[in-house]
Amino acid sequence: MSTDVLPERPLTYEEERGKPMPSKNYAIIQSNLILEFSKQREFRTLPELKLELVPTVPKTPGLAIYPRQAMDLDLRQDEIAVSDPPLLAVEIVSPSQGMQEIMEKVKFYLAHGVQSVWVVMPPLRSVTIFLPDNSQQTHLAGVVRDPVTGLTADLDAVFS
C-alpha cells in the first residue's frame, strides 16, 4: 500500500472566486463601469478583488470601490486578498447565476461592512442598489447616483 500523497488539483476559477466565469457581456459591462467610475478620482475601482471580510468565506465581487486614500499603491508589497470592506461592491449577473445566489451575496456584503451593493442585470439593462437599511432602488435609464458614495454611472454608457 502506497503512502504517497497525491498533489491537490488547482482550484477552478469558480471555486477560487465563488462565482461563475465571467461572460463576454459581463466583461464589457465591467469595463464600461470602470470607465464610468474612474471619472471620479477620489475612489479606486478594483475589479475581481478577493475580499476576506470573514476569513473562511472569501468573496470576489465584479468591482470593489474604495476611497483612493484607503487603497494606496505599494509596488513593494502586494496583497492576494483584502479584509477591509469596500464602500461599494458591484455584482454583475452572469448567465449561469441565479437570483438567490446573488441575493445571498448582497446580504453577506451588507452584513459585513459594505455600505452599498449594485446588482447589474445585463438582459434587463438595469442596476439595483441595495443599502444596509434594506432599502433598494432600481434604475433602468439615465445617470445612476450611488446614495452612499456619490459615484455616478450613465446607463447608456454602461450598456453600450
C-alpha atoms as a PDB file:
ATOM      1  CA  MET A   1       0.000   0.000   0.000  1.00  0.00           C
ATOM      2  CA  SER A   2       1.462   3.323  -1.111  1.00  0.00           C
ATOM      3  CA  THR A   3       1.710   6.216   1.302  1.00  0.00           C
ATOM      4  CA  ASP A   4       2.372   8.771  -1.416  1.00  0.00           C
ATOM      5  CA  VAL A   5       0.190  11.854  -1.159  1.00  0.00           C
ATOM      6  CA  LEU A   6      -1.263  12.977  -4.433  1.00  0.00           C
ATOM      7  CA  PRO A   7      -0.982  16.696  -5.074  1.00  0.00           C
ATOM      8  CA  GLU A   8      -4.251  18.574  -4.813  1.00  0.00           C
ATOM      9  CA  ARG A   9      -5.631  19.814  -8.091  1.00  0.00           C
ATOM     10  CA  PRO A  10      -5.662  23.567  -8.592  1.00  0.00           C
ATOM     11  CA  LEU A  11      -8.942  25.283  -7.837  1.00  0.00           C
ATOM     12  CA  THR A  12     -11.113  26.249 -10.776  1.00  0.00           C
ATOM     13  CA  TYR A  13     -11.957  29.888 -11.405  1.00  0.00           C
ATOM     14  CA  GLU A  14     -15.428  29.263  -9.952  1.00  0.00           C
ATOM     15  CA  GLU A  15     -14.102  27.517  -6.833  1.00  0.00           C
ATOM     16  CA  GLU A  16     -11.423  30.110  -6.143  1.00  0.00           C
ATOM     17  CA  ARG A  17     -13.686  33.136  -6.534  1.00  0.00           C
ATOM     18  CA  GLY A  18     -17.040  31.691  -5.529  1.00  0.00           C
ATOM     19  CA  LYS A  19     -18.624  32.897  -8.741  1.00  0.00           C
ATOM     20  CA  PRO A  20     -19.027  31.726 -12.318  1.00  0.00           C
ATOM     21  CA  MET A  21     -16.562  32.517 -15.077  1.00  0.00           C
ATOM     22  CA  PRO A  22     -17.404  35.962 -16.484  1.00  0.00           C
ATOM     23  CA  SER A  23     -19.018  36.096 -19.919  1.00  0.00           C
ATOM     24  CA  LYS A  24     -18.365  38.479 -22.806  1.00  0.00           C
ATOM     25  CA  ASN A  25     -21.248  40.789 -21.820  1.00  0.00           C
ATOM     26  CA  TYR A  26     -20.084  40.680 -18.198  1.00  0.00           C
ATOM     27  CA  ALA A  27     -16.590  41.750 -19.233  1.00  0.00           C
ATOM     28  CA  ILE A  28     -17.833  44.578 -21.449  1.00  0.00           C
ATOM     29  CA  ILE A  29     -20.161  45.934 -18.759  1.00  0.00           C
ATOM     30  CA  GLN A  30     -17.455  45.604 -16.103  1.00  0.00           C
ATOM     31  CA  SER A  31     -15.070  47.567 -18.323  1.00  0.00           C
ATOM     32  CA  ASN A  32     -17.715  50.224 -19.008  1.00  0.00           C
ATOM     33  CA  LEU A  33     -18.416  50.619 -15.289  1.00  0.00           C
ATOM     34  CA  ILE A  34     -14.701  51.016 -14.591  1.00  0.00           C
ATOM     35  CA  LEU A  35     -14.563  53.788 -17.193  1.00  0.00           C
ATOM     36  CA  GLU A  36     -17.610  55.497 -15.686  1.00  0.00           C
ATOM     37  CA  PHE A  37     -16.344  55.245 -12.102  1.00  0.00           C
ATOM     38  CA  SER A  38     -12.769  56.281 -12.980  1.00  0.00           C
ATOM     39  CA  LYS A  39     -14.046  59.767 -13.843  1.00  0.00           C
ATOM     40  CA  GLN A  40     -14.410  60.275 -10.103  1.00  0.00           C
ATOM     41  CA  ARG A  41     -10.788  60.301  -8.978  1.00  0.00           C
ATOM     42  CA  GLU A  42     -11.430  60.215  -5.226  1.00  0.00           C
ATOM     43  CA  PHE A  43     -12.181  56.492  -5.484  1.00  0.00           C
ATOM     44  CA  ARG A  44     -10.339  53.380  -6.657  1.00  0.00           C
ATOM     45  CA  THR A  45     -12.321  50.869  -8.659  1.00  0.00           C
ATOM     46  CA  LEU A  46     -10.813  47.409  -8.280  1.00  0.00           C
ATOM     47  CA  PRO A  47     -12.062  44.550 -10.495  1.00  0.00           C
ATOM     48  CA  GLU A  48     -12.148  40.953  -9.260  1.00  0.00           C
ATOM     49  CA  LEU A  49     -10.508  41.753  -5.899  1.00  0.00           C
ATOM     50  CA  LYS A  50     -10.730  38.855  -3.458  1.00  0.00           C
ATOM     51  CA  LEU A  51     -12.370  40.008  -0.232  1.00  0.00           C
ATOM     52  CA  GLU A  52     -11.914  38.139   3.026  1.00  0.00           C
ATOM     53  CA  LEU A  53     -14.419  40.040   5.147  1.00  0.00           C
ATOM     54  CA  VAL A  54     -14.800  36.754   7.020  1.00  0.00           C
ATOM     55  CA  PRO A  55     -11.555  34.725   6.903  1.00  0.00           C
ATOM     56  CA  THR A  56     -13.107  31.443   5.790  1.00  0.00           C
ATOM     57  CA  VAL A  57     -15.668  32.943   3.388  1.00  0.00           C
ATOM     58  CA  PRO A  58     -13.879  34.698   0.527  1.00  0.00           C
ATOM     59  CA  LYS A  59     -15.974  36.662  -1.961  1.00  0.00           C
ATOM     60  CA  THR A  60     -14.961  38.281  -5.234  1.00  0.00           C
ATOM     61  CA  PRO A  61     -17.306  40.992  -6.451  1.00  0.00           C
ATOM     62  CA  GLY A  62     -17.098  42.187 -10.034  1.00  0.00           C
ATOM     63  CA  LEU A  63     -15.943  45.556  -8.700  1.00  0.00           C
ATOM     64  CA  ALA A  64     -14.927  46.806  -5.260  1.00  0.00           C
ATOM     65  CA  ILE A  65     -14.813  50.578  -4.759  1.00  0.00           C
ATOM     66  CA  TYR A  66     -12.661  52.126  -2.040  1.00  0.00           C
ATOM     67  CA  PRO A  67     -11.708  55.684  -1.124  1.00  0.00           C
ATOM     68  CA  ARG A  68      -8.478  56.383  -3.026  1.00  0.00           C
ATOM     69  CA  GLN A  69      -6.554  57.215   0.168  1.00  0.00           C
ATOM     70  CA  ALA A  70      -7.528  53.832   1.695  1.00  0.00           C
ATOM     71  CA  MET A  71      -6.047  51.889  -1.244  1.00  0.00           C
ATOM     72  CA  ASP A  72      -2.552  53.217  -1.785  1.00  0.00           C
ATOM     73  CA  LEU A  73      -0.488  51.524  -4.470  1.00  0.00           C
ATOM     74  CA  ASP A  74       2.501  49.782  -2.826  1.00  0.00           C
ATOM     75  CA  LEU A  75       4.633  48.167  -5.509  1.00  0.00           C
ATOM     76  CA  ARG A  76       6.943  46.535  -2.945  1.00  0.00           C
ATOM     77  CA  GLN A  77       4.217  44.607  -1.166  1.00  0.00           C
ATOM     78  CA  ASP A  78       1.067  43.185  -2.711  1.00  0.00           C
ATOM     79  CA  GLU A  79      -1.997  41.548  -1.190  1.00  0.00           C
ATOM     80  CA  ILE A  80      -3.818  38.499  -2.542  1.00  0.00           C
ATOM     81  CA  ALA A  81      -6.936  39.269  -0.508  1.00  0.00           C
ATOM     82  CA  VAL A  82      -8.254  42.314   1.334  1.00  0.00           C
ATOM     83  CA  SER A  83     -10.075  42.191   4.669  1.00  0.00           C
ATOM     84  CA  ASP A  84     -11.347  45.776   4.739  1.00  0.00           C
ATOM     85  CA  PRO A  85     -14.826  46.071   3.214  1.00  0.00           C
ATOM     86  CA  PRO A  86     -15.201  48.328   0.196  1.00  0.00           C
ATOM     87  CA  LEU A  87     -17.659  51.220   0.346  1.00  0.00           C
ATOM     88  CA  LEU A  88     -19.428  49.771  -2.676  1.00  0.00           C
ATOM     89  CA  ALA A  89     -19.475  46.294  -4.221  1.00  0.00           C
ATOM     90  CA  VAL A  90     -20.800  45.619  -7.722  1.00  0.00           C
ATOM     91  CA  GLU A  91     -22.150  42.237  -8.765  1.00  0.00           C
ATOM     92  CA  ILE A  92     -22.768  41.784 -12.493  1.00  0.00           C
ATOM     93  CA  VAL A  93     -25.150  38.899 -13.044  1.00  0.00           C
ATOM     94  CA  SER A  94     -23.676  36.176 -15.281  1.00  0.00           C
ATOM     95  CA  PRO A  95     -25.883  33.946 -17.463  1.00  0.00           C
ATOM     96  CA  SER A  96     -25.333  30.934 -15.182  1.00  0.00           C
ATOM     97  CA  GLN A  97     -26.122  32.714 -11.891  1.00  0.00           C
ATOM     98  CA  GLY A  98     -29.459  32.525 -10.136  1.00  0.00           C
ATOM     99  CA  MET A  99     -31.036  35.399  -8.252  1.00  0.00           C
ATOM    100  CA  GLN A 100     -30.907  33.527  -4.949  1.00  0.00           C
ATOM    101  CA  GLU A 101     -27.118  33.278  -5.228  1.00  0.00           C
ATOM    102  CA  ILE A 102     -26.858  37.000  -5.998  1.00  0.00           C
ATOM    103  CA  MET A 103     -29.181  37.954  -3.125  1.00  0.00           C
ATOM    104  CA  GLU A 104     -27.115  35.863  -0.699  1.00  0.00           C
ATOM    105  CA  LYS A 105     -24.022  37.806  -1.768  1.00  0.00           C
ATOM    106  CA  VAL A 106     -25.850  41.120  -1.320  1.00  0.00           C
ATOM    107  CA  LYS A 107     -26.920  40.101   2.190  1.00  0.00           C
ATOM    108  CA  PHE A 108     -23.384  38.930   3.026  1.00  0.00           C
ATOM    109  CA  TYR A 109     -21.731  42.146   1.807  1.00  0.00           C
ATOM    110  CA  LEU A 110     -24.153  44.400   3.680  1.00  0.00           C
ATOM    111  CA  ALA A 111     -23.811  42.337   6.882  1.00  0.00           C
ATOM    112  CA  HIS A 112     -20.012  42.668   6.731  1.00  0.00           C
ATOM    113  CA  GLY A 113     -19.494  46.396   6.302  1.00  0.00           C
ATOM    114  CA  VAL A 114     -20.144  47.139   2.634  1.00  0.00           C
ATOM    115  CA  GLN A 115     -22.302  50.266   2.558  1.00  0.00           C
ATOM    116  CA  SER A 116     -23.841  49.877  -0.895  1.00  0.00           C
ATOM    117  CA  VAL A 117     -24.217  46.965  -3.323  1.00  0.00           C
ATOM    118  CA  TRP A 118     -25.067  47.339  -7.000  1.00  0.00           C
ATOM    119  CA  VAL A 119     -26.587  44.383  -8.821  1.00  0.00           C
ATOM    120  CA  VAL A 120     -26.259  44.843 -12.575  1.00  0.00           C
ATOM    121  CA  MET A 121     -28.609  42.749 -14.707  1.00  0.00           C
ATOM    122  CA  PRO A 122     -27.434  42.910 -18.345  1.00  0.00           C
ATOM    123  CA  PRO A 123     -30.540  41.384 -20.018  1.00  0.00           C
ATOM    124  CA  LEU A 124     -32.776  43.929 -18.255  1.00  0.00           C
ATOM    125  CA  ARG A 125     -30.355  46.845 -18.679  1.00  0.00           C
ATOM    126  CA  SER A 126     -30.895  47.580 -15.010  1.00  0.00           C
ATOM    127  CA  VAL A 127     -28.961  48.439 -11.866  1.00  0.00           C
ATOM    128  CA  THR A 128     -30.470  47.837  -8.445  1.00  0.00           C
ATOM    129  CA  ILE A 129     -28.768  49.451  -5.471  1.00  0.00           C
ATOM    130  CA  PHE A 130     -29.137  47.724  -2.093  1.00  0.00           C
ATOM    131  CA  LEU A 131     -28.428  49.530   1.187  1.00  0.00           C
ATOM    132  CA  PRO A 132     -27.954  48.319   4.786  1.00  0.00           C
ATOM    133  CA  ASP A 133     -31.364  49.688   5.844  1.00  0.00           C
ATOM    134  CA  ASN A 134     -32.996  47.115   3.496  1.00  0.00           C
ATOM    135  CA  SER A 135     -33.978  49.784   1.001  1.00  0.00           C
ATOM    136  CA  GLN A 136     -33.332  49.341  -2.685  1.00  0.00           C
ATOM    137  CA  GLN A 137     -33.521  51.444  -5.825  1.00  0.00           C
ATOM    138  CA  THR A 138     -33.789  50.107  -9.364  1.00  0.00           C
ATOM    139  CA  HIS A 139     -32.589  52.203 -12.294  1.00  0.00           C
ATOM    140  CA  LEU A 140     -33.405  51.488 -15.936  1.00  0.00           C
ATOM    141  CA  ALA A 141     -32.164  54.657 -17.638  1.00  0.00           C
ATOM    142  CA  GLY A 142     -30.258  57.871 -17.116  1.00  0.00           C
ATOM    143  CA  VAL A 143     -27.414  58.534 -14.728  1.00  0.00           C
ATOM    144  CA  VAL A 144     -27.351  56.390 -11.597  1.00  0.00           C
ATOM    145  CA  ARG A 145     -26.021  58.092  -8.472  1.00  0.00           C
ATOM    146  CA  ASP A 146     -24.967  55.926  -5.552  1.00  0.00           C
ATOM    147  CA  PRO A 147     -26.568  57.343  -2.369  1.00  0.00           C
ATOM    148  CA  VAL A 148     -23.566  56.395  -0.202  1.00  0.00           C
ATOM    149  CA  THR A 149     -20.515  57.315  -2.280  1.00  0.00           C
ATOM    150  CA  GLY A 150     -21.986  59.769  -4.770  1.00  0.00           C
ATOM    151  CA  LEU A 151     -20.429  57.744  -7.600  1.00  0.00           C
ATOM    152  CA  THR A 152     -22.313  58.061 -10.858  1.00  0.00           C
ATOM    153  CA  ALA A 153     -22.677  55.898 -13.959  1.00  0.00           C
ATOM    154  CA  ASP A 154     -24.534  56.725 -17.152  1.00  0.00           C
ATOM    155  CA  LEU A 155     -26.530  53.610 -18.033  1.00  0.00           C
ATOM    156  CA  ASP A 156     -26.329  54.378 -21.760  1.00  0.00           C
ATOM    157  CA  ALA A 157     -22.520  54.153 -21.426  1.00  0.00           C
ATOM    158  CA  VAL A 158     -22.649  51.093 -19.139  1.00  0.00           C
ATOM    159  CA  PHE A 159     -24.856  49.085 -21.520  1.00  0.00           C
ATOM    160  CA  SER A 160     -23.155  50.106 -24.782  1.00  0.00           C
END
